[in-house]
Amino acid sequence: STLSSSSAASDVYKRQEFSGRYIDKKKTERAFRGVVEDISTQGLLLSTSTNLPAKSRFFISMKTFVCGKAKSIGIVVEARHVSLSGDLYRIGGQFLRLSEENRRFLEKYIRGVNPH
């Protein structure tokens, strides 16, 4: 599983809001929002009201503050599995393009270490 390597330390990212973009079937770029439920250096689990099909690719952006410094992270994700939970879609995604800088940041952030 994509998220099997996540740890309890990833609680720091739970409920982290994100904004995203995807291309719909008509080749139109659409914006969407949601919440990160869990994260690892390989992928994430998110909740959103937007139904993105499995294997679709999308871009998400998250902002966080660590030690008073703002950090934005942009990541290309592929939906690996999608399920409906209440009125929200839960999407398990795998990172496709994660810069080395963002990977190192996430590793430290997930472990609860000051990433700056």
PDB file of N, CA and C in Angstrom:
ATOM      1  N   SER A   1       0.833  -1.193   0.000  1.00  0.00           N
ATOM      2  CA  SER A   1       0.000   0.000   0.000  1.00  0.00           C
ATOM      3  C   SER A   1       0.871   1.248   0.000  1.00  0.00           C
ATOM      4  N   THR A   2       0.418   2.252  -0.662  1.00  0.00           N
ATOM      5  CA  THR A   2       1.169   3.497  -0.776  1.00  0.00           C
ATOM      6  C   THR A   2       1.445   4.130   0.583  1.00  0.00           C
ATOM      7  N   LEU A   3       0.485   4.031   1.492  1.00  0.00           N
ATOM      8  CA  LEU A   3       0.623   4.750   2.749  1.00  0.00           C
ATOM      9  C   LEU A   3       1.114   3.881   3.889  1.00  0.00           C
ATOM     10  N   SER A   4       1.502   2.628   3.615  1.00  0.00           N
ATOM     11  CA  SER A   4       1.875   1.732   4.693  1.00  0.00           C
ATOM     12  C   SER A   4       3.107   2.193   5.450  1.00  0.00           C
ATOM     13  N   SER A   5       3.943   2.994   4.843  1.00  0.00           N
ATOM     14  CA  SER A   5       5.148   3.452   5.528  1.00  0.00           C
ATOM     15  C   SER A   5       4.918   4.717   6.342  1.00  0.00           C
ATOM     16  N   SER A   6       3.677   5.227   6.373  1.00  0.00           N
ATOM     17  CA  SER A   6       3.419   6.413   7.183  1.00  0.00           C
ATOM     18  C   SER A   6       3.432   6.008   8.650  1.00  0.00           C
ATOM     19  N   SER A   7       3.673   6.972   9.515  1.00  0.00           N
ATOM     20  CA  SER A   7       3.798   6.666  10.935  1.00  0.00           C
ATOM     21  C   SER A   7       2.876   7.558  11.744  1.00  0.00           C
ATOM     22  N   ALA A   8       2.837   7.282  13.042  1.00  0.00           N
ATOM     23  CA  ALA A   8       2.021   8.113  13.932  1.00  0.00           C
ATOM     24  C   ALA A   8       2.490   9.561  13.882  1.00  0.00           C
ATOM     25  N   ALA A   9       3.762   9.780  13.581  1.00  0.00           N
ATOM     26  CA  ALA A   9       4.277  11.147  13.500  1.00  0.00           C
ATOM     27  C   ALA A   9       3.610  11.929  12.376  1.00  0.00           C
ATOM     28  N   SER A  10       2.996  11.224  11.424  1.00  0.00           N
ATOM     29  CA  SER A  10       2.339  11.934  10.328  1.00  0.00           C
ATOM     30  C   SER A  10       1.091  12.664  10.807  1.00  0.00           C
ATOM     31  N   ASP A  11       0.734  12.497  12.090  1.00  0.00           N
ATOM     32  CA  ASP A  11      -0.400  13.237  12.640  1.00  0.00           C
ATOM     33  C   ASP A  11      -0.231  14.735  12.453  1.00  0.00           C
ATOM     34  N   VAL A  12       1.010  15.211  12.333  1.00  0.00           N
ATOM     35  CA  VAL A  12       1.240  16.641  12.144  1.00  0.00           C
ATOM     36  C   VAL A  12       0.589  17.138  10.864  1.00  0.00           C
ATOM     37  N   TYR A  13       0.421  16.273   9.877  1.00  0.00           N
ATOM     38  CA  TYR A  13      -0.162  16.684   8.607  1.00  0.00           C
ATOM     39  C   TYR A  13      -1.651  16.388   8.520  1.00  0.00           C
ATOM     40  N   LYS A  14      -2.179  15.615   9.458  1.00  0.00           N
ATOM     41  CA  LYS A  14      -3.597  15.292   9.372  1.00  0.00           C
ATOM     42  C   LYS A  14      -4.435  16.553   9.461  1.00  0.00           C
ATOM     43  N   ARG A  15      -5.479  16.564   8.678  1.00  0.00           N
ATOM     44  CA  ARG A  15      -6.406  17.690   8.598  1.00  0.00           C
ATOM     45  C   ARG A  15      -5.777  18.919   7.956  1.00  0.00           C
ATOM     46  N   GLN A  16      -4.648  18.747   7.280  1.00  0.00           N
ATOM     47  CA  GLN A  16      -3.996  19.843   6.564  1.00  0.00           C
ATOM     48  C   GLN A  16      -4.800  20.129   5.302  1.00  0.00           C
ATOM     49  N   GLU A  17      -5.249  21.356   5.130  1.00  0.00           N
ATOM     50  CA  GLU A  17      -6.018  21.707   3.940  1.00  0.00           C
ATOM     51  C   GLU A  17      -5.094  21.850   2.738  1.00  0.00           C
ATOM     52  N   PHE A  18      -5.630  21.547   1.562  1.00  0.00           N
ATOM     53  CA  PHE A  18      -4.865  21.711   0.323  1.00  0.00           C
ATOM     54  C   PHE A  18      -5.774  22.278  -0.747  1.00  0.00           C
ATOM     55  N   SER A  19      -5.153  22.821  -1.776  1.00  0.00           N
ATOM     56  CA  SER A  19      -5.883  23.195  -2.985  1.00  0.00           C
ATOM     57  C   SER A  19      -5.266  22.393  -4.113  1.00  0.00           C
ATOM     58  N   GLY A  20      -6.059  22.096  -5.124  1.00  0.00           N
ATOM     59  CA  GLY A  20      -5.558  21.270  -6.204  1.00  0.00           C
ATOM     60  C   GLY A  20      -6.123  21.680  -7.554  1.00  0.00           C
ATOM     61  N   ARG A  21      -5.530  21.100  -8.578  1.00  0.00           N
ATOM     62  CA  ARG A  21      -5.983  21.312  -9.957  1.00  0.00           C
ATOM     63  C   ARG A  21      -5.953  19.978 -10.687  1.00  0.00           C
ATOM     64  N   TYR A  22      -6.925  19.774 -11.558  1.00  0.00           N
ATOM     65  CA  TYR A  22      -6.951  18.589 -12.418  1.00  0.00           C
ATOM     66  C   TYR A  22      -7.570  18.964 -13.749  1.00  0.00           C
ATOM     67  N   ILE A  23      -7.389  18.107 -14.726  1.00  0.00           N
ATOM     68  CA  ILE A  23      -7.965  18.305 -16.060  1.00  0.00           C
ATOM     69  C   ILE A  23      -9.158  17.359 -16.192  1.00  0.00           C
ATOM     70  N   ASP A  24     -10.336  17.920 -16.478  1.00  0.00           N
ATOM     71  CA  ASP A  24     -11.526  17.079 -16.593  1.00  0.00           C
ATOM     72  C   ASP A  24     -11.601  16.411 -17.971  1.00  0.00           C
ATOM     73  N   LYS A  25     -12.663  15.625 -18.182  1.00  0.00           N
ATOM     74  CA  LYS A  25     -12.821  14.878 -19.440  1.00  0.00           C
ATOM     75  C   LYS A  25     -12.920  15.774 -20.660  1.00  0.00           C
ATOM     76  N   LYS A  26     -13.318  17.027 -20.451  1.00  0.00           N
ATOM     77  CA  LYS A  26     -13.420  17.979 -21.562  1.00  0.00           C
ATOM     78  C   LYS A  26     -12.127  18.766 -21.740  1.00  0.00           C
ATOM     79  N   LYS A  27     -11.058  18.319 -21.060  1.00  0.00           N
ATOM     80  CA  LYS A  27      -9.726  18.949 -21.158  1.00  0.00           C
ATOM     81  C   LYS A  27      -9.704  20.362 -20.570  1.00  0.00           C
ATOM     82  N   THR A  28     -10.589  20.597 -19.593  1.00  0.00           N
ATOM     83  CA  THR A  28     -10.645  21.886 -18.916  1.00  0.00           C
ATOM     84  C   THR A  28      -9.995  21.762 -17.547  1.00  0.00           C
ATOM     85  N   GLU A  29      -9.159  22.727 -17.196  1.00  0.00           N
ATOM     86  CA  GLU A  29      -8.540  22.696 -15.873  1.00  0.00           C
ATOM     87  C   GLU A  29      -9.561  23.100 -14.821  1.00  0.00           C
ATOM     88  N   ARG A  30      -9.651  22.306 -13.777  1.00  0.00           N
ATOM     89  CA  ARG A  30     -10.596  22.548 -12.688  1.00  0.00           C
ATOM     90  C   ARG A  30      -9.846  22.637 -11.364  1.00  0.00           C
ATOM     91  N   ALA A  31     -10.345  23.482 -10.485  1.00  0.00           N
ATOM     92  CA  ALA A  31      -9.773  23.606  -9.146  1.00  0.00           C
ATOM     93  C   ALA A  31     -10.599  22.765  -8.180  1.00  0.00           C
ATOM     94  N   PHE A  32      -9.953  22.258  -7.147  1.00  0.00           N
ATOM     95  CA  PHE A  32     -10.671  21.558  -6.086  1.00  0.00           C
ATOM     96  C   PHE A  32      -9.913  21.727  -4.782  1.00  0.00           C
ATOM     97  N   ARG A  33     -10.597  21.444  -3.692  1.00  0.00           N
ATOM     98  CA  ARG A  33     -10.003  21.579  -2.358  1.00  0.00           C
ATOM     99  C   ARG A  33     -10.325  20.342  -1.540  1.00  0.00           C
ATOM    100  N   GLY A  34      -9.576  20.177  -0.481  1.00  0.00           N
ATOM    101  CA  GLY A  34      -9.829  19.051   0.407  1.00  0.00           C
ATOM    102  C   GLY A  34      -8.914  19.098   1.605  1.00  0.00           C
ATOM    103  N   VAL A  35      -8.827  17.949   2.273  1.00  0.00           N
ATOM    104  CA  VAL A  35      -8.044  17.828   3.491  1.00  0.00           C
ATOM    105  C   VAL A  35      -7.165  16.586   3.401  1.00  0.00           C
ATOM    106  N   VAL A  36      -5.896  16.725   3.770  1.00  0.00           N
ATOM    107  CA  VAL A  36      -4.980  15.582   3.845  1.00  0.00           C
ATOM    108  C   VAL A  36      -5.295  14.827   5.128  1.00  0.00           C
ATOM    109  N   GLU A  37      -5.587  13.531   5.002  1.00  0.00           N
ATOM    110  CA  GLU A  37      -5.892  12.693   6.163  1.00  0.00           C
ATOM    111  C   GLU A  37      -4.633  11.998   6.684  1.00  0.00           C
ATOM    112  N   ASP A  38      -3.727  11.638   5.779  1.00  0.00           N
ATOM    113  CA  ASP A  38      -2.481  10.971   6.157  1.00  0.00           C
ATOM    114  C   ASP A  38      -1.476  11.206   5.041  1.00  0.00           C
ATOM    115  N   ILE A  39      -0.190  11.133   5.390  1.00  0.00           N
ATOM    116  CA  ILE A  39       0.850  11.409   4.399  1.00  0.00           C
ATOM    117  C   ILE A  39       2.108  10.624   4.734  1.00  0.00           C
ATOM    118  N   SER A  40       2.831  10.243   3.705  1.00  0.00           N
ATOM    119  CA  SER A  40       4.157   9.639   3.840  1.00  0.00           C
ATOM    120  C   SER A  40       5.026  10.276   2.757  1.00  0.00           C
ATOM    121  N   THR A  41       6.242   9.809   2.611  1.00  0.00           N
ATOM    122  CA  THR A  41       7.094  10.357   1.548  1.00  0.00           C
ATOM    123  C   THR A  41       6.744   9.737   0.191  1.00  0.00           C
ATOM    124  N   GLN A  42       5.882   8.733   0.160  1.00  0.00           N
ATOM    125  CA  GLN A  42       5.484   8.108  -1.101  1.00  0.00           C
ATOM    126  C   GLN A  42       4.112   8.556  -1.588  1.00  0.00           C
ATOM    127  N   GLY A  43       3.249   9.001  -0.646  1.00  0.00           N
ATOM    128  CA  GLY A  43       1.906   9.350  -1.068  1.00  0.00           C
ATOM    129  C   GLY A  43       1.074   9.884   0.074  1.00  0.00           C
ATOM    130  N   LEU A  44      -0.239   9.961  -0.176  1.00  0.00           N
ATOM    131  CA  LEU A  44      -1.127  10.526   0.835  1.00  0.00           C
ATOM    132  C   LEU A  44      -2.527   9.971   0.703  1.00  0.00           C
ATOM    133  N   LEU A  45      -3.312  10.237   1.736  1.00  0.00           N
ATOM    134  CA  LEU A  45      -4.731   9.937   1.731  1.00  0.00           C
ATOM    135  C   LEU A  45      -5.435  11.267   1.938  1.00  0.00           C
ATOM    136  N   LEU A  46      -6.352  11.603   1.045  1.00  0.00           N
ATOM    137  CA  LEU A  46      -7.043  12.876   1.181  1.00  0.00           C
ATOM    138  C   LEU A  46      -8.544  12.701   1.051  1.00  0.00           C
ATOM    139  N   SER A  47      -9.259  13.667   1.595  1.00  0.00           N
ATOM    140  CA  SER A  47     -10.723  13.720   1.501  1.00  0.00           C
ATOM    141  C   SER A  47     -11.101  14.970   0.729  1.00  0.00           C
ATOM    142  N   THR A  48     -12.057  14.811  -0.174  1.00  0.00           N
ATOM    143  CA  THR A  48     -12.501  15.934  -0.994  1.00  0.00           C
ATOM    144  C   THR A  48     -13.932  15.668  -1.465  1.00  0.00           C
ATOM    145  N   SER A  49     -14.639  16.719  -1.809  1.00  0.00           N
ATOM    146  CA  SER A  49     -15.983  16.553  -2.370  1.00  0.00           C
ATOM    147  C   SER A  49     -15.929  16.295  -3.875  1.00  0.00           C
ATOM    148  N   THR A  50     -14.717  16.337  -4.452  1.00  0.00           N
ATOM    149  CA  THR A  50     -14.528  16.135  -5.889  1.00  0.00           C
ATOM    150  C   THR A  50     -14.245  14.671  -6.182  1.00  0.00           C
ATOM    151  N   ASN A  51     -14.992  14.105  -7.120  1.00  0.00           N
ATOM    152  CA  ASN A  51     -14.785  12.706  -7.513  1.00  0.00           C
ATOM    153  C   ASN A  51     -13.717  12.650  -8.606  1.00  0.00           C
ATOM    154  N   LEU A  52     -12.517  12.236  -8.243  1.00  0.00           N
ATOM    155  CA  LEU A  52     -11.444  12.048  -9.217  1.00  0.00           C
ATOM    156  C   LEU A  52     -11.280  10.551  -9.446  1.00  0.00           C
ATOM    157  N   PRO A  53     -11.362  10.090 -10.683  1.00  0.00           N
ATOM    158  CA  PRO A  53     -11.276   8.650 -10.927  1.00  0.00           C
ATOM    159  C   PRO A  53      -9.880   8.097 -10.630  1.00  0.00           C
ATOM    160  N   ALA A  54      -9.835   6.808 -10.290  1.00  0.00           N
ATOM    161  CA  ALA A  54      -8.555   6.132 -10.092  1.00  0.00           C
ATOM    162  C   ALA A  54      -7.722   6.293 -11.354  1.00  0.00           C
ATOM    163  N   LYS A  55      -6.430   6.421 -11.182  1.00  0.00           N
ATOM    164  CA  LYS A  55      -5.429   6.619 -12.233  1.00  0.00           C
ATOM    165  C   LYS A  55      -5.390   8.041 -12.777  1.00  0.00           C
ATOM    166  N   SER A  56      -6.305   8.916 -12.301  1.00  0.00           N
ATOM    167  CA  SER A  56      -6.218  10.306 -12.741  1.00  0.00           C
ATOM    168  C   SER A  56      -5.038  10.965 -12.040  1.00  0.00           C
ATOM    169  N   ARG A  57      -4.493  11.971 -12.686  1.00  0.00           N
ATOM    170  CA  ARG A  57      -3.363  12.696 -12.132  1.00  0.00           C
ATOM    171  C   ARG A  57      -3.805  14.113 -11.810  1.00  0.00           C
ATOM    172  N   PHE A  58      -3.272  14.635 -10.716  1.00  0.00           N
ATOM    173  CA  PHE A  58      -3.639  15.978 -10.303  1.00  0.00           C
ATOM    174  C   PHE A  58      -2.474  16.607  -9.545  1.00  0.00           C
ATOM    175  N   PHE A  59      -2.570  17.907  -9.375  1.00  0.00           N
ATOM    176  CA  PHE A  59      -1.543  18.670  -8.668  1.00  0.00           C
ATOM    177  C   PHE A  59      -2.163  19.220  -7.396  1.00  0.00           C
ATOM    178  N   ILE A  60      -1.455  19.055  -6.273  1.00  0.00           N
ATOM    179  CA  ILE A  60      -1.940  19.671  -5.044  1.00  0.00           C
ATOM    180  C   ILE A  60      -0.876  20.594  -4.470  1.00  0.00           C
ATOM    181  N   SER A  61      -1.342  21.571  -3.748  1.00  0.00           N
ATOM    182  CA  SER A  61      -0.469  22.528  -3.082  1.00  0.00           C
ATOM    183  C   SER A  61      -0.906  22.634  -1.634  1.00  0.00           C
ATOM    184  N   MET A  62       0.061  22.502  -0.728  1.00  0.00           N
ATOM    185  CA  MET A  62      -0.211  22.632   0.704  1.00  0.00           C
ATOM    186  C   MET A  62       0.676  23.721   1.267  1.00  0.00           C
ATOM    187  N   LYS A  63       0.130  24.485   2.205  1.00  0.00           N
ATOM    188  CA  LYS A  63       0.920  25.500   2.904  1.00  0.00           C
ATOM    189  C   LYS A  63       0.986  25.111   4.367  1.00  0.00           C
ATOM    190  N   THR A  64       2.155  25.274   4.945  1.00  0.00           N
ATOM    191  CA  THR A  64       2.331  24.976   6.353  1.00  0.00           C
ATOM    192  C   THR A  64       3.261  26.002   6.971  1.00  0.00           C
ATOM    193  N   PHE A  65       3.219  26.106   8.267  1.00  0.00           N
ATOM    194  CA  PHE A  65       4.110  27.002   8.995  1.00  0.00           C
ATOM    195  C   PHE A  65       4.906  26.177   9.993  1.00  0.00           C
ATOM    196  N   VAL A  66       6.211  26.314   9.946  1.00  0.00           N
ATOM    197  CA  VAL A  66       7.087  25.616  10.878  1.00  0.00           C
ATOM    198  C   VAL A  66       8.048  26.636  11.456  1.00  0.00           C
ATOM    199  N   CYS A  67       8.067  26.726  12.771  1.00  0.00           N
ATOM    200  CA  CYS A  67       8.943  27.697  13.456  1.00  0.00           C
ATOM    201  C   CYS A  67       8.732  29.108  12.906  1.00  0.00           C
ATOM    202  N   GLY A  68       7.484  29.448  12.599  1.00  0.00           N
ATOM    203  CA  GLY A  68       7.167  30.781  12.125  1.00  0.00           C
ATOM    204  C   GLY A  68       7.459  31.039  10.662  1.00  0.00           C
ATOM    205  N   LYS A  69       7.981  30.037   9.948  1.00  0.00           N
ATOM    206  CA  LYS A  69       8.289  30.195   8.530  1.00  0.00           C
ATOM    207  C   LYS A  69       7.232  29.488   7.690  1.00  0.00           C
ATOM    208  N   ALA A  70       6.756  30.172   6.657  1.00  0.00           N
ATOM    209  CA  ALA A  70       5.780  29.576   5.749  1.00  0.00           C
ATOM    210  C   ALA A  70       6.505  28.699   4.735  1.00  0.00           C
ATOM    211  N   LYS A  71       5.890  27.571   4.405  1.00  0.00           N
ATOM    212  CA  LYS A  71       6.438  26.664   3.404  1.00  0.00           C
ATOM    213  C   LYS A  71       5.292  26.171   2.548  1.00  0.00           C
ATOM    214  N   SER A  72       5.427  26.302   1.231  1.00  0.00           N
ATOM    215  CA  SER A  72       4.454  25.748   0.294  1.00  0.00           C
ATOM    216  C   SER A  72       5.065  24.536  -0.372  1.00  0.00           C
ATOM    217  N   ILE A  73       4.270  23.503  -0.503  1.00  0.00           N
ATOM    218  CA  ILE A  73       4.724  22.278  -1.153  1.00  0.00           C
ATOM    219  C   ILE A  73       3.767  21.983  -2.295  1.00  0.00           C
ATOM    220  N   GLY A  74       4.279  21.807  -3.502  1.00  0.00           N
ATOM    221  CA  GLY A  74       3.478  21.434  -4.660  1.00  0.00           C
ATOM    222  C   GLY A  74       3.886  20.054  -5.130  1.00  0.00           C
ATOM    223  N   ILE A  75       2.904  19.167  -5.340  1.00  0.00           N
ATOM    224  CA  ILE A  75       3.194  17.778  -5.656  1.00  0.00           C
ATOM    225  C   ILE A  75       2.229  17.274  -6.733  1.00  0.00           C
ATOM    226  N   VAL A  76       2.756  16.521  -7.704  1.00  0.00           N
ATOM    227  CA  VAL A  76       1.930  15.830  -8.690  1.00  0.00           C
ATOM    228  C   VAL A  76       1.597  14.449  -8.119  1.00  0.00           C
ATOM    229  N   VAL A  77       0.310  14.102  -8.149  1.00  0.00           N
ATOM    230  CA  VAL A  77      -0.179  12.881  -7.517  1.00  0.00           C
ATOM    231  C   VAL A  77      -0.993  12.077  -8.526  1.00  0.00           C
ATOM    232  N   GLU A  78      -0.922  10.746  -8.415  1.00  0.00           N
ATOM    233  CA  GLU A  78      -1.803   9.875  -9.180  1.00  0.00           C
ATOM    234  C   GLU A  78      -2.741   9.178  -8.212  1.00  0.00           C
ATOM    235  N   ALA A  79      -4.046   9.251  -8.469  1.00  0.00           N
ATOM    236  CA  ALA A  79      -5.031   8.564  -7.629  1.00  0.00           C
ATOM    237  C   ALA A  79      -4.874   7.065  -7.824  1.00  0.00           C
ATOM    238  N   ARG A  80      -4.646   6.329  -6.746  1.00  0.00           N
ATOM    239  CA  ARG A  80      -4.486   4.873  -6.807  1.00  0.00           C
ATOM    240  C   ARG A  80      -5.769   4.160  -6.434  1.00  0.00           C
ATOM    241  N   HIS A  81      -6.501   4.723  -5.473  1.00  0.00           N
ATOM    242  CA  HIS A  81      -7.810   4.161  -5.128  1.00  0.00           C
ATOM    243  C   HIS A  81      -8.710   5.288  -4.643  1.00  0.00           C
ATOM    244  N   VAL A  82      -9.998   5.136  -4.937  1.00  0.00           N
ATOM    245  CA  VAL A  82     -10.988   6.158  -4.596  1.00  0.00           C
ATOM    246  C   VAL A  82     -12.194   5.457  -3.973  1.00  0.00           C
ATOM    247  N   SER A  83     -12.653   5.969  -2.844  1.00  0.00           N
ATOM    248  CA  SER A  83     -13.855   5.415  -2.220  1.00  0.00           C
ATOM    249  C   SER A  83     -14.715   6.557  -1.698  1.00  0.00           C
ATOM    250  N   LEU A  84     -15.989   6.290  -1.551  1.00  0.00           N
ATOM    251  CA  LEU A  84     -16.929   7.286  -1.045  1.00  0.00           C
ATOM    252  C   LEU A  84     -17.168   7.001   0.431  1.00  0.00           C
ATOM    253  N   SER A  85     -17.002   8.021   1.257  1.00  0.00           N
ATOM    254  CA  SER A  85     -17.228   7.901   2.700  1.00  0.00           C
ATOM    255  C   SER A  85     -18.145   9.046   3.106  1.00  0.00           C
ATOM    256  N   GLY A  86     -19.409   8.734   3.356  1.00  0.00           N
ATOM    257  CA  GLY A  86     -20.387   9.792   3.613  1.00  0.00           C
ATOM    258  C   GLY A  86     -20.554  10.616   2.350  1.00  0.00           C
ATOM    259  N   ASP A  87     -20.342  11.926   2.453  1.00  0.00           N
ATOM    260  CA  ASP A  87     -20.462  12.778   1.273  1.00  0.00           C
ATOM    261  C   ASP A  87     -19.100  13.209   0.732  1.00  0.00           C
ATOM    262  N   LEU A  88     -18.026  12.542   1.183  1.00  0.00           N
ATOM    263  CA  LEU A  88     -16.679  12.875   0.714  1.00  0.00           C
ATOM    264  C   LEU A  88     -16.016  11.686   0.035  1.00  0.00           C
ATOM    265  N   TYR A  89     -15.204  11.999  -0.936  1.00  0.00           N
ATOM    266  CA  TYR A  89     -14.389  10.972  -1.580  1.00  0.00           C
ATOM    267  C   TYR A  89     -13.058  10.897  -0.846  1.00  0.00           C
ATOM    268  N   ARG A  90     -12.625   9.682  -0.563  1.00  0.00           N
ATOM    269  CA  ARG A  90     -11.306   9.451   0.037  1.00  0.00           C
ATOM    270  C   ARG A  90     -10.416   8.907  -1.071  1.00  0.00           C
ATOM    271  N   ILE A  91      -9.325   9.608  -1.319  1.00  0.00           N
ATOM    272  CA  ILE A  91      -8.444   9.263  -2.429  1.00  0.00           C
ATOM    273  C   ILE A  91      -7.064   8.934  -1.884  1.00  0.00           C
ATOM    274  N   GLY A  92      -6.617   7.725  -2.178  1.00  0.00           N
ATOM    275  CA  GLY A  92      -5.248   7.326  -1.859  1.00  0.00           C
ATOM    276  C   GLY A  92      -4.403   7.615  -3.073  1.00  0.00           C
ATOM    277  N   GLY A  93      -3.395   8.453  -2.915  1.00  0.00           N
ATOM    278  CA  GLY A  93      -2.592   8.866  -4.060  1.00  0.00           C
ATOM    279  C   GLY A  93      -1.118   8.606  -3.868  1.00  0.00           C
ATOM    280  N   GLN A  94      -0.448   8.371  -4.976  1.00  0.00           N
ATOM    281  CA  GLN A  94       0.997   8.172  -4.991  1.00  0.00           C
ATOM    282  C   GLN A  94       1.647   9.393  -5.618  1.00  0.00           C
ATOM    283  N   PHE A  95       2.723   9.889  -4.988  1.00  0.00           N
ATOM    284  CA  PHE A  95       3.444  11.023  -5.548  1.00  0.00           C
ATOM    285  C   PHE A  95       4.150  10.591  -6.823  1.00  0.00           C
ATOM    286  N   LEU A  96       4.026  11.390  -7.875  1.00  0.00           N
ATOM    287  CA  LEU A  96       4.692  11.097  -9.139  1.00  0.00           C
ATOM    288  C   LEU A  96       5.948  11.936  -9.311  1.00  0.00           C
ATOM    289  N   ARG A  97       5.822  13.198  -8.986  1.00  0.00           N
ATOM    290  CA  ARG A  97       6.973  14.099  -9.110  1.00  0.00           C
ATOM    291  C   ARG A  97       7.124  14.853  -7.802  1.00  0.00           C
ATOM    292  N   LEU A  98       8.053  14.405  -7.001  1.00  0.00           N
ATOM    293  CA  LEU A  98       8.330  15.043  -5.721  1.00  0.00           C
ATOM    294  C   LEU A  98       9.779  15.495  -5.768  1.00  0.00           C
ATOM    295  N   SER A  99       9.983  16.800  -5.714  1.00  0.00           N
ATOM    296  CA  SER A  99      11.357  17.307  -5.782  1.00  0.00           C
ATOM    297  C   SER A  99      12.154  16.794  -4.588  1.00  0.00           C
ATOM    298  N   GLU A 100      13.442  16.728  -4.749  1.00  0.00           N
ATOM    299  CA  GLU A 100      14.315  16.280  -3.673  1.00  0.00           C
ATOM    300  C   GLU A 100      14.148  17.176  -2.449  1.00  0.00           C
ATOM    301  N   GLU A 101      14.017  18.470  -2.668  1.00  0.00           N
ATOM    302  CA  GLU A 101      13.820  19.416  -1.558  1.00  0.00           C
ATOM    303  C   GLU A 101      12.532  19.107  -0.801  1.00  0.00           C
ATOM    304  N   ASN A 102      11.438  18.871  -1.526  1.00  0.00           N
ATOM    305  CA  ASN A 102      10.163  18.568  -0.870  1.00  0.00           C
ATOM    306  C   ASN A 102      10.195  17.204  -0.188  1.00  0.00           C
ATOM    307  N   ARG A 103      10.879  16.234  -0.794  1.00  0.00           N
ATOM    308  CA  ARG A 103      10.992  14.911  -0.171  1.00  0.00           C
ATOM    309  C   ARG A 103      11.714  15.018   1.163  1.00  0.00           C
ATOM    310  N   ARG A 104      12.830  15.742   1.187  1.00  0.00           N
ATOM    311  CA  ARG A 104      13.584  15.921   2.438  1.00  0.00           C
ATOM    312  C   ARG A 104      12.744  16.670   3.471  1.00  0.00           C
ATOM    313  N   PHE A 105      12.022  17.704   3.016  1.00  0.00           N
ATOM    314  CA  PHE A 105      11.157  18.453   3.918  1.00  0.00           C
ATOM    315  C   PHE A 105      10.111  17.523   4.536  1.00  0.00           C
ATOM    316  N   LEU A 106       9.442  16.725   3.696  1.00  0.00           N
ATOM    317  CA  LEU A 106       8.413  15.821   4.206  1.00  0.00           C
ATOM    318  C   LEU A 106       8.995  14.797   5.170  1.00  0.00           C
ATOM    319  N   GLU A 107      10.146  14.225   4.852  1.00  0.00           N
ATOM    320  CA  GLU A 107      10.775  13.252   5.746  1.00  0.00           C
ATOM    321  C   GLU A 107      10.961  13.839   7.134  1.00  0.00           C
ATOM    322  N   LYS A 108      11.500  15.036   7.189  1.00  0.00           N
ATOM    323  CA  LYS A 108      11.750  15.677   8.481  1.00  0.00           C
ATOM    324  C   LYS A 108      10.444  16.087   9.144  1.00  0.00           C
ATOM    325  N   TYR A 109       9.525  16.625   8.364  1.00  0.00           N
ATOM    326  CA  TYR A 109       8.257  17.102   8.923  1.00  0.00           C
ATOM    327  C   TYR A 109       7.447  15.952   9.496  1.00  0.00           C
ATOM    328  N   ILE A 110       7.409  14.832   8.793  1.00  0.00           N
ATOM    329  CA  ILE A 110       6.671  13.658   9.254  1.00  0.00           C
ATOM    330  C   ILE A 110       7.283  13.131  10.547  1.00  0.00           C
ATOM    331  N   ARG A 111       8.581  13.178  10.654  1.00  0.00           N
ATOM    332  CA  ARG A 111       9.260  12.716  11.887  1.00  0.00           C
ATOM    333  C   ARG A 111       9.140  13.731  13.014  1.00  0.00           C
ATOM    334  N   GLY A 112       8.628  14.924  12.717  1.00  0.00           N
ATOM    335  CA  GLY A 112       8.473  15.938  13.745  1.00  0.00           C
ATOM    336  C   GLY A 112       9.730  16.739  14.020  1.00  0.00           C
ATOM    337  N   VAL A 113      10.671  16.708  13.078  1.00  0.00           N
ATOM    338  CA  VAL A 113      11.909  17.447  13.208  1.00  0.00           C
ATOM    339  C   VAL A 113      11.738  18.781  12.487  1.00  0.00           C
ATOM    340  N   ASN A 114      12.366  19.834  12.992  1.00  0.00           N
ATOM    341  CA  ASN A 114      12.311  21.131  12.298  1.00  0.00           C
ATOM    342  C   ASN A 114      12.931  20.970  10.915  1.00  0.00           C
ATOM    343  N   PRO A 115      12.151  21.074   9.846  1.00  0.00           N
ATOM    344  CA  PRO A 115      12.657  20.828   8.504  1.00  0.00           C
ATOM    345  C   PRO A 115      13.454  21.981   7.898  1.00  0.00           C
ATOM    346  N   HIS A 116      13.485  23.143   8.535  1.00  0.00           N
ATOM    347  CA  HIS A 116      14.185  24.296   7.947  1.00  0.00           C
ATOM    348  C   HIS A 116      15.646  24.294   8.316  1.00  0.00           C
TER     349      HIS A 116
END
